[in-house]
Amino acid sequence: MIGRFHVDLNAIPAMAGQAMRLPMIFWQDRNKQSVLNITGYSAKCTLLDVDGNVLVAATSANGGITIVGASGTANVDSSGMSPAHAAIPAGTHSYAYELYNASGVLEFYMTGEWPYDPDLSP
């Protein structure tokens, strides 16, 4: 069964010029009593600008996503990607997050908007 969600990430702070970071924990139940063991899974998180150009394509293969299977976590941190990506510009970008099981079947798909605020520091 595939879980499909549309979630705008307005509550997750993001600053232009910084890495894309998105911590994810996958639970088996809504009461958060038991995590989903995602050992052997793979993941991909793509950030697109308003014109549909790829800004970041973080995957578990390129070091942009770290999966800790038994704890149910798949953390996006594009600062560890190889090759490195360019700085993310300010603006409201769209993203797609995909989680595949060990057989390569898509089990979780999440899309939405993710605003990146301009860096206003002096």
PDB file of N, CA and C in Angstrom:
ATOM      1  N   MET A   1       0.840  -1.173   0.000  1.00  0.00           N
ATOM      2  CA  MET A   1       0.000   0.000   0.000  1.00  0.00           C
ATOM      3  C   MET A   1       0.890   1.242   0.000  1.00  0.00           C
ATOM      4  N   ILE A   2       0.554   2.192  -0.818  1.00  0.00           N
ATOM      5  CA  ILE A   2       1.317   3.433  -0.892  1.00  0.00           C
ATOM      6  C   ILE A   2       0.614   4.522  -0.096  1.00  0.00           C
ATOM      7  N   GLY A   3       1.378   5.243   0.695  1.00  0.00           N
ATOM      8  CA  GLY A   3       0.849   6.397   1.402  1.00  0.00           C
ATOM      9  C   GLY A   3       1.144   7.628   0.571  1.00  0.00           C
ATOM     10  N   ARG A   4       0.114   8.376   0.223  1.00  0.00           N
ATOM     11  CA  ARG A   4       0.293   9.604  -0.568  1.00  0.00           C
ATOM     12  C   ARG A   4      -0.184  10.787   0.246  1.00  0.00           C
ATOM     13  N   PHE A   5       0.669  11.798   0.349  1.00  0.00           N
ATOM     14  CA  PHE A   5       0.368  12.951   1.173  1.00  0.00           C
ATOM     15  C   PHE A   5       0.777  14.226   0.450  1.00  0.00           C
ATOM     16  N   HIS A   6       0.059  15.302   0.732  1.00  0.00           N
ATOM     17  CA  HIS A   6       0.456  16.637   0.287  1.00  0.00           C
ATOM     18  C   HIS A   6       0.650  17.457   1.554  1.00  0.00           C
ATOM     19  N   VAL A   7       1.886  17.864   1.813  1.00  0.00           N
ATOM     20  CA  VAL A   7       2.209  18.587   3.034  1.00  0.00           C
ATOM     21  C   VAL A   7       3.063  19.793   2.677  1.00  0.00           C
ATOM     22  N   ASP A   8       2.556  20.989   2.966  1.00  0.00           N
ATOM     23  CA  ASP A   8       3.364  22.190   2.796  1.00  0.00           C
ATOM     24  C   ASP A   8       4.232  22.338   4.044  1.00  0.00           C
ATOM     25  N   LEU A   9       5.523  22.568   3.862  1.00  0.00           N
ATOM     26  CA  LEU A   9       6.481  22.583   4.957  1.00  0.00           C
ATOM     27  C   LEU A   9       6.735  23.989   5.483  1.00  0.00           C
ATOM     28  N   ASN A  10       5.674  24.753   5.699  1.00  0.00           N
ATOM     29  CA  ASN A  10       5.821  26.118   6.193  1.00  0.00           C
ATOM     30  C   ASN A  10       6.399  26.171   7.607  1.00  0.00           C
ATOM     31  N   ALA A  11       6.162  25.140   8.399  1.00  0.00           N
ATOM     32  CA  ALA A  11       6.612  25.135   9.793  1.00  0.00           C
ATOM     33  C   ALA A  11       8.061  24.685   9.953  1.00  0.00           C
ATOM     34  N   ILE A  12       8.669  24.203   8.880  1.00  0.00           N
ATOM     35  CA  ILE A  12      10.065  23.759   8.963  1.00  0.00           C
ATOM     36  C   ILE A  12      10.945  24.880   8.435  1.00  0.00           C
ATOM     37  N   PRO A  13      11.727  25.518   9.322  1.00  0.00           N
ATOM     38  CA  PRO A  13      12.525  26.658   8.885  1.00  0.00           C
ATOM     39  C   PRO A  13      13.563  26.279   7.837  1.00  0.00           C
ATOM     40  N   ALA A  14      13.640  27.077   6.805  1.00  0.00           N
ATOM     41  CA  ALA A  14      14.633  26.875   5.753  1.00  0.00           C
ATOM     42  C   ALA A  14      15.150  28.241   5.332  1.00  0.00           C
ATOM     43  N   MET A  15      16.460  28.333   5.205  1.00  0.00           N
ATOM     44  CA  MET A  15      17.093  29.592   4.851  1.00  0.00           C
ATOM     45  C   MET A  15      17.817  29.430   3.526  1.00  0.00           C
ATOM     46  N   ALA A  16      17.614  30.393   2.645  1.00  0.00           N
ATOM     47  CA  ALA A  16      18.294  30.376   1.353  1.00  0.00           C
ATOM     48  C   ALA A  16      19.798  30.265   1.568  1.00  0.00           C
ATOM     49  N   GLY A  17      20.453  29.500   0.717  1.00  0.00           N
ATOM     50  CA  GLY A  17      21.889  29.321   0.806  1.00  0.00           C
ATOM     51  C   GLY A  17      22.320  28.180   1.704  1.00  0.00           C
ATOM     52  N   GLN A  18      21.383  27.629   2.490  1.00  0.00           N
ATOM     53  CA  GLN A  18      21.720  26.528   3.379  1.00  0.00           C
ATOM     54  C   GLN A  18      21.298  25.195   2.776  1.00  0.00           C
ATOM     55  N   ALA A  19      21.713  24.130   3.408  1.00  0.00           N
ATOM     56  CA  ALA A  19      21.379  22.785   2.938  1.00  0.00           C
ATOM     57  C   ALA A  19      19.898  22.484   3.163  1.00  0.00           C
ATOM     58  N   MET A  20      19.384  21.537   2.398  1.00  0.00           N
ATOM     59  CA  MET A  20      18.017  21.046   2.578  1.00  0.00           C
ATOM     60  C   MET A  20      18.060  19.999   3.682  1.00  0.00           C
ATOM     61  N   ARG A  21      17.278  20.212   4.754  1.00  0.00           N
ATOM     62  CA  ARG A  21      17.243  19.271   5.874  1.00  0.00           C
ATOM     63  C   ARG A  21      15.789  18.942   6.222  1.00  0.00           C
ATOM     64  N   LEU A  22      15.507  17.652   6.286  1.00  0.00           N
ATOM     65  CA  LEU A  22      14.151  17.208   6.598  1.00  0.00           C
ATOM     66  C   LEU A  22      14.217  15.878   7.345  1.00  0.00           C
ATOM     67  N   PRO A  23      14.035  15.911   8.676  1.00  0.00           N
ATOM     68  CA  PRO A  23      14.049  14.653   9.432  1.00  0.00           C
ATOM     69  C   PRO A  23      12.699  13.942   9.298  1.00  0.00           C
ATOM     70  N   MET A  24      12.737  12.635   9.053  1.00  0.00           N
ATOM     71  CA  MET A  24      11.507  11.859   8.895  1.00  0.00           C
ATOM     72  C   MET A  24      11.580  10.619   9.776  1.00  0.00           C
ATOM     73  N   ILE A  25      10.498  10.340  10.501  1.00  0.00           N
ATOM     74  CA  ILE A  25      10.353   9.091  11.246  1.00  0.00           C
ATOM     75  C   ILE A  25       9.080   8.434  10.747  1.00  0.00           C
ATOM     76  N   PHE A  26       9.177   7.176  10.385  1.00  0.00           N
ATOM     77  CA  PHE A  26       8.024   6.438   9.870  1.00  0.00           C
ATOM     78  C   PHE A  26       7.491   5.515  10.963  1.00  0.00           C
ATOM     79  N   TRP A  27       6.206   5.712  11.295  1.00  0.00           N
ATOM     80  CA  TRP A  27       5.551   4.962  12.359  1.00  0.00           C
ATOM     81  C   TRP A  27       4.586   3.940  11.768  1.00  0.00           C
ATOM     82  N   GLN A  28       4.392   2.832  12.478  1.00  0.00           N
ATOM     83  CA  GLN A  28       3.431   1.818  12.059  1.00  0.00           C
ATOM     84  C   GLN A  28       2.018   2.168  12.501  1.00  0.00           C
ATOM     85  N   ASP A  29       1.898   3.023  13.495  1.00  0.00           N
ATOM     86  CA  ASP A  29       0.582   3.358  14.039  1.00  0.00           C
ATOM     87  C   ASP A  29       0.492   4.849  14.337  1.00  0.00           C
ATOM     88  N   ARG A  30      -0.705   5.364  14.398  1.00  0.00           N
ATOM     89  CA  ARG A  30      -0.886   6.805  14.603  1.00  0.00           C
ATOM     90  C   ARG A  30      -0.567   7.254  16.021  1.00  0.00           C
ATOM     91  N   ASN A  31      -0.463   6.325  16.958  1.00  0.00           N
ATOM     92  CA  ASN A  31      -0.127   6.665  18.340  1.00  0.00           C
ATOM     93  C   ASN A  31       1.377   6.698  18.583  1.00  0.00           C
ATOM     94  N   LYS A  32       2.145   6.460  17.538  1.00  0.00           N
ATOM     95  CA  LYS A  32       3.610   6.491  17.596  1.00  0.00           C
ATOM     96  C   LYS A  32       4.153   5.533  18.658  1.00  0.00           C
ATOM     97  N   GLN A  33       3.617   4.331  18.690  1.00  0.00           N
ATOM     98  CA  GLN A  33       4.076   3.314  19.622  1.00  0.00           C
ATOM     99  C   GLN A  33       5.121   2.395  19.007  1.00  0.00           C
ATOM    100  N   SER A  34       5.103   2.259  17.682  1.00  0.00           N
ATOM    101  CA  SER A  34       5.997   1.321  17.019  1.00  0.00           C
ATOM    102  C   SER A  34       6.476   1.903  15.694  1.00  0.00           C
ATOM    103  N   VAL A  35       7.810   2.027  15.556  1.00  0.00           N
ATOM    104  CA  VAL A  35       8.353   2.565  14.304  1.00  0.00           C
ATOM    105  C   VAL A  35       8.322   1.491  13.226  1.00  0.00           C
ATOM    106  N   LEU A  36       8.281   1.929  11.992  1.00  0.00           N
ATOM    107  CA  LEU A  36       8.350   1.035  10.844  1.00  0.00           C
ATOM    108  C   LEU A  36       9.816   0.745  10.563  1.00  0.00           C
ATOM    109  N   ASN A  37      10.197  -0.519  10.546  1.00  0.00           N
ATOM    110  CA  ASN A  37      11.572  -0.882  10.238  1.00  0.00           C
ATOM    111  C   ASN A  37      11.779  -0.725   8.731  1.00  0.00           C
ATOM    112  N   ILE A  38      12.608   0.233   8.352  1.00  0.00           N
ATOM    113  CA  ILE A  38      12.836   0.510   6.930  1.00  0.00           C
ATOM    114  C   ILE A  38      14.234   0.061   6.482  1.00  0.00           C
ATOM    115  N   THR A  39      14.735  -0.968   7.130  1.00  0.00           N
ATOM    116  CA  THR A  39      16.016  -1.548   6.726  1.00  0.00           C
ATOM    117  C   THR A  39      15.911  -2.027   5.272  1.00  0.00           C
ATOM    118  N   GLY A  40      16.886  -1.653   4.456  1.00  0.00           N
ATOM    119  CA  GLY A  40      16.900  -2.045   3.052  1.00  0.00           C
ATOM    120  C   GLY A  40      16.127  -1.104   2.142  1.00  0.00           C
ATOM    121  N   TYR A  41      15.459  -0.106   2.711  1.00  0.00           N
ATOM    122  CA  TYR A  41      14.696   0.849   1.920  1.00  0.00           C
ATOM    123  C   TYR A  41      15.635   1.868   1.271  1.00  0.00           C
ATOM    124  N   SER A  42      15.125   2.565   0.277  1.00  0.00           N
ATOM    125  CA  SER A  42      15.846   3.672  -0.338  1.00  0.00           C
ATOM    126  C   SER A  42      14.903   4.863  -0.408  1.00  0.00           C
ATOM    127  N   ALA A  43      15.486   6.053  -0.529  1.00  0.00           N
ATOM    128  CA  ALA A  43      14.658   7.262  -0.526  1.00  0.00           C
ATOM    129  C   ALA A  43      15.223   8.295  -1.486  1.00  0.00           C
ATOM    130  N   LYS A  44      14.335   9.200  -1.894  1.00  0.00           N
ATOM    131  CA  LYS A  44      14.708  10.298  -2.787  1.00  0.00           C
ATOM    132  C   LYS A  44      13.885  11.519  -2.404  1.00  0.00           C
ATOM    133  N   CYS A  45      14.534  12.676  -2.351  1.00  0.00           N
ATOM    134  CA  CYS A  45      13.833  13.934  -2.088  1.00  0.00           C
ATOM    135  C   CYS A  45      14.330  14.952  -3.109  1.00  0.00           C
ATOM    136  N   THR A  46      13.411  15.468  -3.914  1.00  0.00           N
ATOM    137  CA  THR A  46      13.755  16.410  -4.980  1.00  0.00           C
ATOM    138  C   THR A  46      13.128  17.758  -4.681  1.00  0.00           C
ATOM    139  N   LEU A  47      13.928  18.823  -4.777  1.00  0.00           N
ATOM    140  CA  LEU A  47      13.449  20.194  -4.574  1.00  0.00           C
ATOM    141  C   LEU A  47      13.506  20.900  -5.926  1.00  0.00           C
ATOM    142  N   LEU A  48      12.378  21.495  -6.326  1.00  0.00           N
ATOM    143  CA  LEU A  48      12.263  22.149  -7.636  1.00  0.00           C
ATOM    144  C   LEU A  48      11.943  23.624  -7.478  1.00  0.00           C
ATOM    145  N   ASP A  49      12.459  24.451  -8.396  1.00  0.00           N
ATOM    146  CA  ASP A  49      12.082  25.870  -8.384  1.00  0.00           C
ATOM    147  C   ASP A  49      10.745  26.048  -9.099  1.00  0.00           C
ATOM    148  N   VAL A  50      10.265  27.284  -9.181  1.00  0.00           N
ATOM    149  CA  VAL A  50       8.945  27.545  -9.762  1.00  0.00           C
ATOM    150  C   VAL A  50       8.859  27.177 -11.235  1.00  0.00           C
ATOM    151  N   ASP A  51       9.998  27.090 -11.917  1.00  0.00           N
ATOM    152  CA  ASP A  51      10.016  26.716 -13.335  1.00  0.00           C
ATOM    153  C   ASP A  51      10.175  25.211 -13.541  1.00  0.00           C
ATOM    154  N   GLY A  52      10.250  24.450 -12.428  1.00  0.00           N
ATOM    155  CA  GLY A  52      10.398  23.003 -12.533  1.00  0.00           C
ATOM    156  C   GLY A  52      11.830  22.519 -12.645  1.00  0.00           C
ATOM    157  N   ASN A  53      12.802  23.436 -12.492  1.00  0.00           N
ATOM    158  CA  ASN A  53      14.208  23.044 -12.533  1.00  0.00           C
ATOM    159  C   ASN A  53      14.613  22.401 -11.207  1.00  0.00           C
ATOM    160  N   VAL A  54      15.373  21.328 -11.275  1.00  0.00           N
ATOM    161  CA  VAL A  54      15.817  20.634 -10.064  1.00  0.00           C
ATOM    162  C   VAL A  54      16.883  21.471  -9.355  1.00  0.00           C
ATOM    163  N   LEU A  55      16.609  21.810  -8.092  1.00  0.00           N
ATOM    164  CA  LEU A  55      17.581  22.506  -7.261  1.00  0.00           C
ATOM    165  C   LEU A  55      18.427  21.509  -6.481  1.00  0.00           C
ATOM    166  N   VAL A  56      17.778  20.483  -5.941  1.00  0.00           N
ATOM    167  CA  VAL A  56      18.451  19.445  -5.165  1.00  0.00           C
ATOM    168  C   VAL A  56      17.773  18.112  -5.454  1.00  0.00           C
ATOM    169  N   ALA A  57      18.570  17.081  -5.647  1.00  0.00           N
ATOM    170  CA  ALA A  57      18.054  15.716  -5.780  1.00  0.00           C
ATOM    171  C   ALA A  57      18.820  14.849  -4.793  1.00  0.00           C
ATOM    172  N   ALA A  58      18.360  14.839  -3.541  1.00  0.00           N
ATOM    173  CA  ALA A  58      19.005  14.066  -2.488  1.00  0.00           C
ATOM    174  C   ALA A  58      18.471  12.637  -2.512  1.00  0.00           C
ATOM    175  N   THR A  59      19.375  11.663  -2.424  1.00  0.00           N
ATOM    176  CA  THR A  59      18.964  10.264  -2.395  1.00  0.00           C
ATOM    177  C   THR A  59      19.767   9.522  -1.327  1.00  0.00           C
ATOM    178  N   SER A  60      19.308   8.331  -1.003  1.00  0.00           N
ATOM    179  CA  SER A  60      20.080   7.497  -0.088  1.00  0.00           C
ATOM    180  C   SER A  60      21.334   6.985  -0.764  1.00  0.00           C
ATOM    181  N   ALA A  61      21.368   6.985  -2.090  1.00  0.00           N
ATOM    182  CA  ALA A  61      22.550   6.526  -2.833  1.00  0.00           C
ATOM    183  C   ALA A  61      23.643   7.587  -2.903  1.00  0.00           C
ATOM    184  N   ASN A  62      23.265   8.882  -2.959  1.00  0.00           N
ATOM    185  CA  ASN A  62      24.283   9.920  -3.108  1.00  0.00           C
ATOM    186  C   ASN A  62      24.655  10.600  -1.790  1.00  0.00           C
ATOM    187  N   GLY A  63      24.206  10.067  -0.665  1.00  0.00           N
ATOM    188  CA  GLY A  63      24.566  10.615   0.641  1.00  0.00           C
ATOM    189  C   GLY A  63      23.677  11.738   1.121  1.00  0.00           C
ATOM    190  N   GLY A  64      22.670  12.112   0.352  1.00  0.00           N
ATOM    191  CA  GLY A  64      21.767  13.187   0.749  1.00  0.00           C
ATOM    192  C   GLY A  64      20.685  12.745   1.718  1.00  0.00           C
ATOM    193  N   ILE A  65      20.464  11.441   1.840  1.00  0.00           N
ATOM    194  CA  ILE A  65      19.487  10.892   2.778  1.00  0.00           C
ATOM    195  C   ILE A  65      20.141   9.730   3.516  1.00  0.00           C
ATOM    196  N   THR A  66      20.060   9.765   4.833  1.00  0.00           N
ATOM    197  CA  THR A  66      20.587   8.688   5.667  1.00  0.00           C
ATOM    198  C   THR A  66      19.423   7.898   6.229  1.00  0.00           C
ATOM    199  N   ILE A  67      19.416   6.601   5.966  1.00  0.00           N
ATOM    200  CA  ILE A  67      18.353   5.726   6.471  1.00  0.00           C
ATOM    201  C   ILE A  67      18.905   4.888   7.609  1.00  0.00           C
ATOM    202  N   VAL A  68      18.242   4.964   8.754  1.00  0.00           N
ATOM    203  CA  VAL A  68      18.570   4.136   9.907  1.00  0.00           C
ATOM    204  C   VAL A  68      17.358   3.236  10.112  1.00  0.00           C
ATOM    205  N   GLY A  69      17.398   2.082   9.457  1.00  0.00           N
ATOM    206  CA  GLY A  69      16.237   1.226   9.293  1.00  0.00           C
ATOM    207  C   GLY A  69      15.483   0.845  10.536  1.00  0.00           C
ATOM    208  N   ALA A  70      16.176   0.306  11.550  1.00  0.00           N
ATOM    209  CA  ALA A  70      15.491  -0.193  12.735  1.00  0.00           C
ATOM    210  C   ALA A  70      14.815   0.923  13.517  1.00  0.00           C
ATOM    211  N   SER A  71      15.314   2.160  13.402  1.00  0.00           N
ATOM    212  CA  SER A  71      14.706   3.287  14.120  1.00  0.00           C
ATOM    213  C   SER A  71      13.631   3.983  13.286  1.00  0.00           C
ATOM    214  N   GLY A  72      13.428   3.528  12.049  1.00  0.00           N
ATOM    215  CA  GLY A  72      12.394   4.099  11.199  1.00  0.00           C
ATOM    216  C   GLY A  72      12.694   5.494  10.695  1.00  0.00           C
ATOM    217  N   THR A  73      13.954   5.892  10.712  1.00  0.00           N
ATOM    218  CA  THR A  73      14.302   7.251  10.303  1.00  0.00           C
ATOM    219  C   THR A  73      14.941   7.292   8.921  1.00  0.00           C
ATOM    220  N   ALA A  74      14.598   8.324   8.177  1.00  0.00           N
ATOM    221  CA  ALA A  74      15.201   8.620   6.878  1.00  0.00           C
ATOM    222  C   ALA A  74      15.390  10.128   6.843  1.00  0.00           C
ATOM    223  N   ASN A  75      16.584  10.587   7.164  1.00  0.00           N
ATOM    224  CA  ASN A  75      16.853  12.009   7.322  1.00  0.00           C
ATOM    225  C   ASN A  75      17.504  12.601   6.080  1.00  0.00           C
ATOM    226  N   VAL A  76      16.861  13.628   5.546  1.00  0.00           N
ATOM    227  CA  VAL A  76      17.414  14.361   4.411  1.00  0.00           C
ATOM    228  C   VAL A  76      18.375  15.411   4.950  1.00  0.00           C
ATOM    229  N   ASP A  77      19.590  15.430   4.421  1.00  0.00           N
ATOM    230  CA  ASP A  77      20.568  16.473   4.734  1.00  0.00           C
ATOM    231  C   ASP A  77      21.454  16.612   3.508  1.00  0.00           C
ATOM    232  N   SER A  78      21.116  17.555   2.662  1.00  0.00           N
ATOM    233  CA  SER A  78      21.807  17.678   1.379  1.00  0.00           C
ATOM    234  C   SER A  78      23.244  18.158   1.511  1.00  0.00           C
ATOM    235  N   SER A  79      23.672  18.554   2.715  1.00  0.00           N
ATOM    236  CA  SER A  79      25.064  18.993   2.875  1.00  0.00           C
ATOM    237  C   SER A  79      26.038  17.833   2.714  1.00  0.00           C
ATOM    238  N   GLY A  80      25.564  16.586   2.853  1.00  0.00           N
ATOM    239  CA  GLY A  80      26.433  15.428   2.711  1.00  0.00           C
ATOM    240  C   GLY A  80      26.414  14.800   1.335  1.00  0.00           C
ATOM    241  N   MET A  81      25.739  15.449   0.377  1.00  0.00           N
ATOM    242  CA  MET A  81      25.601  14.867  -0.960  1.00  0.00           C
ATOM    243  C   MET A  81      26.901  14.870  -1.749  1.00  0.00           C
ATOM    244  N   SER A  82      27.012  13.885  -2.597  1.00  0.00           N
ATOM    245  CA  SER A  82      28.116  13.843  -3.548  1.00  0.00           C
ATOM    246  C   SER A  82      27.537  13.536  -4.926  1.00  0.00           C
ATOM    247  N   PRO A  83      27.681  14.423  -5.912  1.00  0.00           N
ATOM    248  CA  PRO A  83      28.356  15.712  -5.811  1.00  0.00           C
ATOM    249  C   PRO A  83      27.507  16.724  -5.048  1.00  0.00           C
ATOM    250  N   ALA A  84      28.164  17.763  -4.565  1.00  0.00           N
ATOM    251  CA  ALA A  84      27.474  18.813  -3.821  1.00  0.00           C
ATOM    252  C   ALA A  84      26.541  19.585  -4.751  1.00  0.00           C
ATOM    253  N   HIS A  85      25.496  20.152  -4.194  1.00  0.00           N
ATOM    254  CA  HIS A  85      24.553  20.954  -4.978  1.00  0.00           C
ATOM    255  C   HIS A  85      24.849  22.438  -4.787  1.00  0.00           C
ATOM    256  N   ALA A  86      24.308  23.252  -5.656  1.00  0.00           N
ATOM    257  CA  ALA A  86      24.464  24.704  -5.531  1.00  0.00           C
ATOM    258  C   ALA A  86      23.606  25.207  -4.379  1.00  0.00           C
ATOM    259  N   ALA A  87      23.873  26.422  -3.930  1.00  0.00           N
ATOM    260  CA  ALA A  87      23.086  27.018  -2.856  1.00  0.00           C
ATOM    261  C   ALA A  87      21.625  27.133  -3.281  1.00  0.00           C
ATOM    262  N   ILE A  88      20.732  26.862  -2.352  1.00  0.00           N
ATOM    263  CA  ILE A  88      19.301  26.944  -2.637  1.00  0.00           C
ATOM    264  C   ILE A  88      18.875  28.410  -2.568  1.00  0.00           C
ATOM    265  N   PRO A  89      18.269  28.944  -3.631  1.00  0.00           N
ATOM    266  CA  PRO A  89      17.866  30.341  -3.624  1.00  0.00           C
ATOM    267  C   PRO A  89      16.600  30.565  -2.798  1.00  0.00           C
ATOM    268  N   ALA A  90      16.382  31.811  -2.422  1.00  0.00           N
ATOM    269  CA  ALA A  90      15.165  32.175  -1.701  1.00  0.00           C
ATOM    270  C   ALA A  90      13.959  31.982  -2.609  1.00  0.00           C
ATOM    271  N   GLY A  91      12.826  31.655  -2.026  1.00  0.00           N
ATOM    272  CA  GLY A  91      11.592  31.480  -2.782  1.00  0.00           C
ATOM    273  C   GLY A  91      10.806  30.299  -2.254  1.00  0.00           C
ATOM    274  N   THR A  92       9.613  30.135  -2.771  1.00  0.00           N
ATOM    275  CA  THR A  92       8.788  28.988  -2.406  1.00  0.00           C
ATOM    276  C   THR A  92       8.987  27.922  -3.474  1.00  0.00           C
ATOM    277  N   HIS A  93       9.553  26.815  -3.072  1.00  0.00           N
ATOM    278  CA  HIS A  93       9.886  25.729  -3.981  1.00  0.00           C
ATOM    279  C   HIS A  93       8.957  24.548  -3.742  1.00  0.00           C
ATOM    280  N   SER A  94       8.851  23.669  -4.702  1.00  0.00           N
ATOM    281  CA  SER A  94       8.066  22.451  -4.509  1.00  0.00           C
ATOM    282  C   SER A  94       9.031  21.295  -4.269  1.00  0.00           C
ATOM    283  N   TYR A  95       8.537  20.275  -3.579  1.00  0.00           N
ATOM    284  CA  TYR A  95       9.366  19.119  -3.308  1.00  0.00           C
ATOM    285  C   TYR A  95       8.557  17.840  -3.503  1.00  0.00           C
ATOM    286  N   ALA A  96       9.267  16.746  -3.684  1.00  0.00           N
ATOM    287  CA  ALA A  96       8.671  15.416  -3.723  1.00  0.00           C
ATOM    288  C   ALA A  96       9.582  14.496  -2.917  1.00  0.00           C
ATOM    289  N   TYR A  97       9.000  13.743  -1.999  1.00  0.00           N
ATOM    290  CA  TYR A  97       9.739  12.811  -1.150  1.00  0.00           C
ATOM    291  C   TYR A  97       9.210  11.420  -1.425  1.00  0.00           C
ATOM    292  N   GLU A  98      10.108  10.502  -1.756  1.00  0.00           N
ATOM    293  CA  GLU A  98       9.717   9.140  -2.110  1.00  0.00           C
ATOM    294  C   GLU A  98      10.483   8.142  -1.252  1.00  0.00           C
ATOM    295  N   LEU A  99       9.779   7.112  -0.768  1.00  0.00           N
ATOM    296  CA  LEU A  99      10.400   6.047   0.003  1.00  0.00           C
ATOM    297  C   LEU A  99      10.041   4.718  -0.646  1.00  0.00           C
ATOM    298  N   TYR A 100      11.077   3.949  -1.001  1.00  0.00           N
ATOM    299  CA  TYR A 100      10.906   2.666  -1.691  1.00  0.00           C
ATOM    300  C   TYR A 100      11.306   1.526  -0.764  1.00  0.00           C
ATOM    301  N   ASN A 101      10.535   0.430  -0.783  1.00  0.00           N
ATOM    302  CA  ASN A 101      10.897  -0.728   0.042  1.00  0.00           C
ATOM    303  C   ASN A 101      12.066  -1.474  -0.596  1.00  0.00           C
ATOM    304  N   ALA A 102      12.517  -2.526   0.072  1.00  0.00           N
ATOM    305  CA  ALA A 102      13.697  -3.271  -0.389  1.00  0.00           C
ATOM    306  C   ALA A 102      13.501  -3.911  -1.760  1.00  0.00           C
ATOM    307  N   SER A 103      12.245  -4.092  -2.187  1.00  0.00           N
ATOM    308  CA  SER A 103      11.961  -4.648  -3.510  1.00  0.00           C
ATOM    309  C   SER A 103      11.868  -3.569  -4.581  1.00  0.00           C
ATOM    310  N   GLY A 104      12.056  -2.305  -4.196  1.00  0.00           N
ATOM    311  CA  GLY A 104      11.987  -1.203  -5.148  1.00  0.00           C
ATOM    312  C   GLY A 104      10.592  -0.674  -5.394  1.00  0.00           C
ATOM    313  N   VAL A 105       9.622  -1.079  -4.570  1.00  0.00           N
ATOM    314  CA  VAL A 105       8.233  -0.627  -4.719  1.00  0.00           C
ATOM    315  C   VAL A 105       8.040   0.663  -3.917  1.00  0.00           C
ATOM    316  N   LEU A 106       7.455   1.676  -4.544  1.00  0.00           N
ATOM    317  CA  LEU A 106       7.171   2.940  -3.880  1.00  0.00           C
ATOM    318  C   LEU A 106       6.122   2.718  -2.796  1.00  0.00           C
ATOM    319  N   GLU A 107       6.474   3.043  -1.545  1.00  0.00           N
ATOM    320  CA  GLU A 107       5.539   2.859  -0.428  1.00  0.00           C
ATOM    321  C   GLU A 107       5.033   4.167   0.146  1.00  0.00           C
ATOM    322  N   PHE A 108       5.800   5.249  -0.016  1.00  0.00           N
ATOM    323  CA  PHE A 108       5.420   6.530   0.579  1.00  0.00           C
ATOM    324  C   PHE A 108       5.775   7.635  -0.402  1.00  0.00           C
ATOM    325  N   TYR A 109       4.821   8.533  -0.632  1.00  0.00           N
ATOM    326  CA  TYR A 109       5.038   9.627  -1.569  1.00  0.00           C
ATOM    327  C   TYR A 109       4.430  10.886  -0.972  1.00  0.00           C
ATOM    328  N   MET A 110       5.257  11.928  -0.813  1.00  0.00           N
ATOM    329  CA  MET A 110       4.794  13.169  -0.209  1.00  0.00           C
ATOM    330  C   MET A 110       5.248  14.334  -1.075  1.00  0.00           C
ATOM    331  N   THR A 111       4.354  15.263  -1.360  1.00  0.00           N
ATOM    332  CA  THR A 111       4.682  16.448  -2.141  1.00  0.00           C
ATOM    333  C   THR A 111       4.144  17.684  -1.431  1.00  0.00           C
ATOM    334  N   GLY A 112       4.619  18.827  -1.855  1.00  0.00           N
ATOM    335  CA  GLY A 112       4.119  20.067  -1.289  1.00  0.00           C
ATOM    336  C   GLY A 112       5.041  21.218  -1.624  1.00  0.00           C
ATOM    337  N   GLU A 113       4.852  22.309  -0.919  1.00  0.00           N
ATOM    338  CA  GLU A 113       5.692  23.490  -1.087  1.00  0.00           C
ATOM    339  C   GLU A 113       6.579  23.658   0.134  1.00  0.00           C
ATOM    340  N   TRP A 114       7.771  24.238  -0.101  1.00  0.00           N
ATOM    341  CA  TRP A 114       8.727  24.453   0.969  1.00  0.00           C
ATOM    342  C   TRP A 114       9.348  25.831   0.781  1.00  0.00           C
ATOM    343  N   PRO A 115       8.949  26.811   1.589  1.00  0.00           N
ATOM    344  CA  PRO A 115       9.501  28.151   1.427  1.00  0.00           C
ATOM    345  C   PRO A 115      10.908  28.263   2.001  1.00  0.00           C
ATOM    346  N   TYR A 116      11.770  28.900   1.266  1.00  0.00           N
ATOM    347  CA  TYR A 116      13.121  29.202   1.710  1.00  0.00           C
ATOM    348  C   TYR A 116      13.218  30.734   1.863  1.00  0.00           C
ATOM    349  N   ASP A 117      13.438  31.169   3.082  1.00  0.00           N
ATOM    350  CA  ASP A 117      13.503  32.604   3.374  1.00  0.00           C
ATOM    351  C   ASP A 117      14.866  33.167   2.974  1.00  0.00           C
ATOM    352  N   PRO A 118      14.874  34.431   2.547  1.00  0.00           N
ATOM    353  CA  PRO A 118      16.175  35.043   2.218  1.00  0.00           C
ATOM    354  C   PRO A 118      16.997  35.242   3.474  1.00  0.00           C
ATOM    355  N   ASP A 119      18.319  35.186   3.333  1.00  0.00           N
ATOM    356  CA  ASP A 119      19.220  35.426   4.443  1.00  0.00           C
ATOM    357  C   ASP A 119      19.338  36.943   4.620  1.00  0.00           C
ATOM    358  N   LEU A 120      18.819  37.459   5.731  1.00  0.00           N
ATOM    359  CA  LEU A 120      18.820  38.899   5.977  1.00  0.00           C
ATOM    360  C   LEU A 120      19.916  39.322   6.936  1.00  0.00           C
ATOM    361  N   SER A 121      20.838  38.424   7.245  1.00  0.00           N
ATOM    362  CA  SER A 121      21.905  38.783   8.184  1.00  0.00           C
ATOM    363  C   SER A 121      22.873  39.765   7.524  1.00  0.00           C
ATOM    364  N   PRO A 122      23.463  40.633   8.335  1.00  0.00           N
ATOM    365  CA  PRO A 122      24.379  41.658   7.781  1.00  0.00           C
ATOM    366  C   PRO A 122      25.676  41.065   7.274  1.00  0.00           C
TER     367      PRO A 122
END
